[in-house]
Amino acid sequence: MAFKTKIWLTILVVFGFDAIASILSKSFQFDYTRLIWVSFAIYLVAGYWGAQHRGFVYGIALSSLAGFVNSTIGWFVSRMIGPFTLTRIPSLSPVVVVLVIVTVTASAFFFGLIGAGLCKIFGRTRSAVA
């Protein structure tokens, strides 16, 4: 599969997760923040998937993109839907927005590093295929 296709599918998965999770959270009144582990799983899988047959750096790049999309478009979609949360959501000052984008993208980088590393260990990266 072309890496460009992987990029678009990753964006779609992140966008879809944020929208569906927000709707379900709002409908069934469960705390949206309890689903953070799903985001981490998406970053880990994106890291593995991006590194598969392309190389370690591609895995990290794809997972970082997933985190960036999650903290920008995904956050916007989620805020528009209005998920149920037990914690108060702070006002969106520029400092808060930048802090969230940097933090989420960095955590996606970290989980992508693990995913790409697992791909490398299992011999699925380009460098392992001779």
C-alpha atoms as a PDB file:
ATOM      1  CA  MET A   1       0.000   0.000   0.000  1.00  0.00           C
ATOM      2  CA  ALA A   2       1.309   3.446  -0.867  1.00  0.00           C
ATOM      3  CA  PHE A   3       2.381   5.593   2.067  1.00  0.00           C
ATOM      4  CA  LYS A   4       0.103   8.384   0.828  1.00  0.00           C
ATOM      5  CA  THR A   5      -2.857   6.004   1.247  1.00  0.00           C
ATOM      6  CA  LYS A   6      -1.687   5.156   4.763  1.00  0.00           C
ATOM      7  CA  ILE A   7      -1.643   8.865   5.576  1.00  0.00           C
ATOM      8  CA  TRP A   8      -5.233   9.372   4.431  1.00  0.00           C
ATOM      9  CA  LEU A   9      -6.470   6.234   6.198  1.00  0.00           C
ATOM     10  CA  THR A  10      -4.768   7.301   9.422  1.00  0.00           C
ATOM     11  CA  ILE A  11      -6.399  10.730   9.230  1.00  0.00           C
ATOM     12  CA  LEU A  12      -9.766   9.083   8.607  1.00  0.00           C
ATOM     13  CA  VAL A  13      -9.342   6.696  11.561  1.00  0.00           C
ATOM     14  CA  VAL A  14      -8.385   9.504  13.953  1.00  0.00           C
ATOM     15  CA  PHE A  15     -11.206  11.741  12.723  1.00  0.00           C
ATOM     16  CA  GLY A  16     -13.699   8.866  12.900  1.00  0.00           C
ATOM     17  CA  PHE A  17     -12.604   7.856  16.384  1.00  0.00           C
ATOM     18  CA  ASP A  18     -12.957  11.393  17.730  1.00  0.00           C
ATOM     19  CA  ALA A  19     -16.397  11.838  16.195  1.00  0.00           C
ATOM     20  CA  ILE A  20     -17.804   8.435  17.173  1.00  0.00           C
ATOM     21  CA  ALA A  21     -16.312   8.499  20.676  1.00  0.00           C
ATOM     22  CA  SER A  22     -17.727  11.982  21.269  1.00  0.00           C
ATOM     23  CA  ILE A  23     -21.186  10.967  20.098  1.00  0.00           C
ATOM     24  CA  LEU A  24     -21.173   7.790  22.211  1.00  0.00           C
ATOM     25  CA  SER A  25     -19.836   9.646  25.239  1.00  0.00           C
ATOM     26  CA  LYS A  26     -22.538  12.262  24.951  1.00  0.00           C
ATOM     27  CA  SER A  27     -25.293   9.709  24.308  1.00  0.00           C
ATOM     28  CA  PHE A  28     -24.388   7.266  27.077  1.00  0.00           C
ATOM     29  CA  GLN A  29     -22.980   9.819  29.564  1.00  0.00           C
ATOM     30  CA  PHE A  30     -19.565   8.259  30.107  1.00  0.00           C
ATOM     31  CA  ASP A  31     -16.415  10.291  30.518  1.00  0.00           C
ATOM     32  CA  TYR A  32     -14.806  10.857  27.120  1.00  0.00           C
ATOM     33  CA  THR A  33     -11.345  11.140  28.701  1.00  0.00           C
ATOM     34  CA  ARG A  34     -11.510   7.466  29.720  1.00  0.00           C
ATOM     35  CA  LEU A  35     -10.912   6.618  26.036  1.00  0.00           C
ATOM     36  CA  ILE A  36      -7.402   8.063  25.969  1.00  0.00           C
ATOM     37  CA  TRP A  37      -6.017   4.515  25.779  1.00  0.00           C
ATOM     38  CA  VAL A  38      -7.691   4.139  22.360  1.00  0.00           C
ATOM     39  CA  SER A  39      -5.765   7.169  21.111  1.00  0.00           C
ATOM     40  CA  PHE A  40      -2.534   5.650  22.424  1.00  0.00           C
ATOM     41  CA  ALA A  41      -3.373   2.376  20.658  1.00  0.00           C
ATOM     42  CA  ILE A  42      -4.021   4.249  17.406  1.00  0.00           C
ATOM     43  CA  TYR A  43      -0.604   5.942  17.690  1.00  0.00           C
ATOM     44  CA  LEU A  44       1.116   2.624  18.402  1.00  0.00           C
ATOM     45  CA  VAL A  45      -0.561   0.903  15.449  1.00  0.00           C
ATOM     46  CA  ALA A  46       0.181   3.877  13.187  1.00  0.00           C
ATOM     47  CA  GLY A  47       3.849   3.631  14.169  1.00  0.00           C
ATOM     48  CA  TYR A  48       3.946  -0.059  13.340  1.00  0.00           C
ATOM     49  CA  TRP A  49       1.925   0.309  10.153  1.00  0.00           C
ATOM     50  CA  GLY A  50       3.934   3.276   8.900  1.00  0.00           C
ATOM     51  CA  ALA A  51       7.220   1.452   9.471  1.00  0.00           C
ATOM     52  CA  GLN A  52       5.979  -1.694   7.790  1.00  0.00           C
ATOM     53  CA  HIS A  53       7.879  -2.154   4.512  1.00  0.00           C
ATOM     54  CA  ARG A  54       8.933   1.533   4.502  1.00  0.00           C
ATOM     55  CA  GLY A  55      11.274   2.090   7.425  1.00  0.00           C
ATOM     56  CA  PHE A  56      11.453   3.196  11.020  1.00  0.00           C
ATOM     57  CA  VAL A  57      11.201   6.939  10.310  1.00  0.00           C
ATOM     58  CA  TYR A  58       7.974   6.493   8.343  1.00  0.00           C
ATOM     59  CA  GLY A  59       6.370   4.840  11.358  1.00  0.00           C
ATOM     60  CA  ILE A  60       7.311   7.684  13.639  1.00  0.00           C
ATOM     61  CA  ALA A  61       6.134  10.216  11.050  1.00  0.00           C
ATOM     62  CA  LEU A  62       2.753   8.511  10.593  1.00  0.00           C
ATOM     63  CA  SER A  63       2.099   8.258  14.322  1.00  0.00           C
ATOM     64  CA  SER A  64       3.145  11.879  14.873  1.00  0.00           C
ATOM     65  CA  LEU A  65       0.751  12.895  12.114  1.00  0.00           C
ATOM     66  CA  ALA A  66      -2.003  10.931  13.882  1.00  0.00           C
ATOM     67  CA  GLY A  67      -1.298  12.854  17.092  1.00  0.00           C
ATOM     68  CA  PHE A  68      -1.242  16.176  15.280  1.00  0.00           C
ATOM     69  CA  VAL A  69      -4.559  15.423  13.547  1.00  0.00           C
ATOM     70  CA  ASN A  70      -6.035  14.256  16.852  1.00  0.00           C
ATOM     71  CA  SER A  71      -5.008  17.471  18.610  1.00  0.00           C
ATOM     72  CA  THR A  72      -6.249  19.776  15.847  1.00  0.00           C
ATOM     73  CA  ILE A  73      -9.047  18.492  13.605  1.00  0.00           C
ATOM     74  CA  GLY A  74     -10.053  15.751  16.037  1.00  0.00           C
ATOM     75  CA  TRP A  75     -10.188  18.149  18.977  1.00  0.00           C
ATOM     76  CA  PHE A  76     -12.255  20.607  16.938  1.00  0.00           C
ATOM     77  CA  VAL A  77     -14.740  17.907  15.924  1.00  0.00           C
ATOM     78  CA  SER A  78     -14.973  16.632  19.473  1.00  0.00           C
ATOM     79  CA  ARG A  79     -15.562  20.131  20.870  1.00  0.00           C
ATOM     80  CA  MET A  80     -18.294  20.752  18.279  1.00  0.00           C
ATOM     81  CA  ILE A  81     -20.100  17.537  19.270  1.00  0.00           C
ATOM     82  CA  GLY A  82     -19.628  18.210  22.968  1.00  0.00           C
ATOM     83  CA  PRO A  83     -18.702  14.900  24.609  1.00  0.00           C
ATOM     84  CA  PHE A  84     -19.567  14.156  28.219  1.00  0.00           C
ATOM     85  CA  THR A  85     -16.650  14.852  30.572  1.00  0.00           C
ATOM     86  CA  LEU A  86     -16.369  14.926  34.341  1.00  0.00           C
ATOM     87  CA  THR A  87     -13.563  17.475  34.266  1.00  0.00           C
ATOM     88  CA  ARG A  88     -14.086  21.091  33.367  1.00  0.00           C
ATOM     89  CA  ILE A  89     -12.783  21.951  29.906  1.00  0.00           C
ATOM     90  CA  PRO A  90     -10.589  25.075  30.049  1.00  0.00           C
ATOM     91  CA  SER A  91     -11.224  28.032  27.780  1.00  0.00           C
ATOM     92  CA  LEU A  92      -9.338  27.848  24.520  1.00  0.00           C
ATOM     93  CA  SER A  93      -6.595  30.406  24.841  1.00  0.00           C
ATOM     94  CA  PRO A  94      -3.764  30.262  22.281  1.00  0.00           C
ATOM     95  CA  VAL A  95      -1.393  28.975  24.983  1.00  0.00           C
ATOM     96  CA  VAL A  96      -3.732  26.079  25.864  1.00  0.00           C
ATOM     97  CA  VAL A  97      -4.204  25.159  22.205  1.00  0.00           C
ATOM     98  CA  VAL A  98      -0.444  25.134  21.511  1.00  0.00           C
ATOM     99  CA  LEU A  99       0.222  23.185  24.720  1.00  0.00           C
ATOM    100  CA  VAL A 100      -2.346  20.527  23.765  1.00  0.00           C
ATOM    101  CA  ILE A 101      -1.015  20.218  20.203  1.00  0.00           C
ATOM    102  CA  VAL A 102       2.584  19.841  21.398  1.00  0.00           C
ATOM    103  CA  THR A 103       1.716  17.402  24.198  1.00  0.00           C
ATOM    104  CA  VAL A 104      -0.537  15.158  22.108  1.00  0.00           C
ATOM    105  CA  THR A 105       1.847  15.122  19.147  1.00  0.00           C
ATOM    106  CA  ALA A 106       4.759  14.291  21.463  1.00  0.00           C
ATOM    107  CA  SER A 107       2.835  11.423  23.067  1.00  0.00           C
ATOM    108  CA  ALA A 108       1.938  10.156  19.577  1.00  0.00           C
ATOM    109  CA  PHE A 109       5.639  10.341  18.669  1.00  0.00           C
ATOM    110  CA  PHE A 110       6.475   8.278  21.768  1.00  0.00           C
ATOM    111  CA  PHE A 111       3.879   5.575  21.057  1.00  0.00           C
ATOM    112  CA  GLY A 112       4.841   5.612  17.379  1.00  0.00           C
ATOM    113  CA  LEU A 113       8.440   5.057  18.417  1.00  0.00           C
ATOM    114  CA  ILE A 114       7.309   1.933  20.266  1.00  0.00           C
ATOM    115  CA  GLY A 115       5.186   0.759  17.324  1.00  0.00           C
ATOM    116  CA  ALA A 116       7.959   1.346  14.792  1.00  0.00           C
ATOM    117  CA  GLY A 117      10.407  -0.354  17.142  1.00  0.00           C
ATOM    118  CA  LEU A 118       8.164  -3.415  17.369  1.00  0.00           C
ATOM    119  CA  CYS A 119       7.945  -3.464  13.584  1.00  0.00           C
ATOM    120  CA  LYS A 120      11.734  -3.358  13.384  1.00  0.00           C
ATOM    121  CA  ILE A 121      12.100  -6.130  15.988  1.00  0.00           C
ATOM    122  CA  PHE A 122       9.682  -8.353  14.066  1.00  0.00           C
ATOM    123  CA  GLY A 123      11.655  -7.711  10.863  1.00  0.00           C
ATOM    124  CA  ARG A 124       8.903  -5.937   8.938  1.00  0.00           C
ATOM    125  CA  THR A 125      10.710  -2.698   8.081  1.00  0.00           C
ATOM    126  CA  ARG A 126      12.358  -1.925   4.776  1.00  0.00           C
ATOM    127  CA  SER A 127      15.818  -2.246   6.282  1.00  0.00           C
ATOM    128  CA  ALA A 128      15.030  -5.851   7.332  1.00  0.00           C
ATOM    129  CA  VAL A 129      13.964  -6.817   3.805  1.00  0.00           C
ATOM    130  CA  ALA A 130      17.024  -7.397   1.647  1.00  0.00           C
END
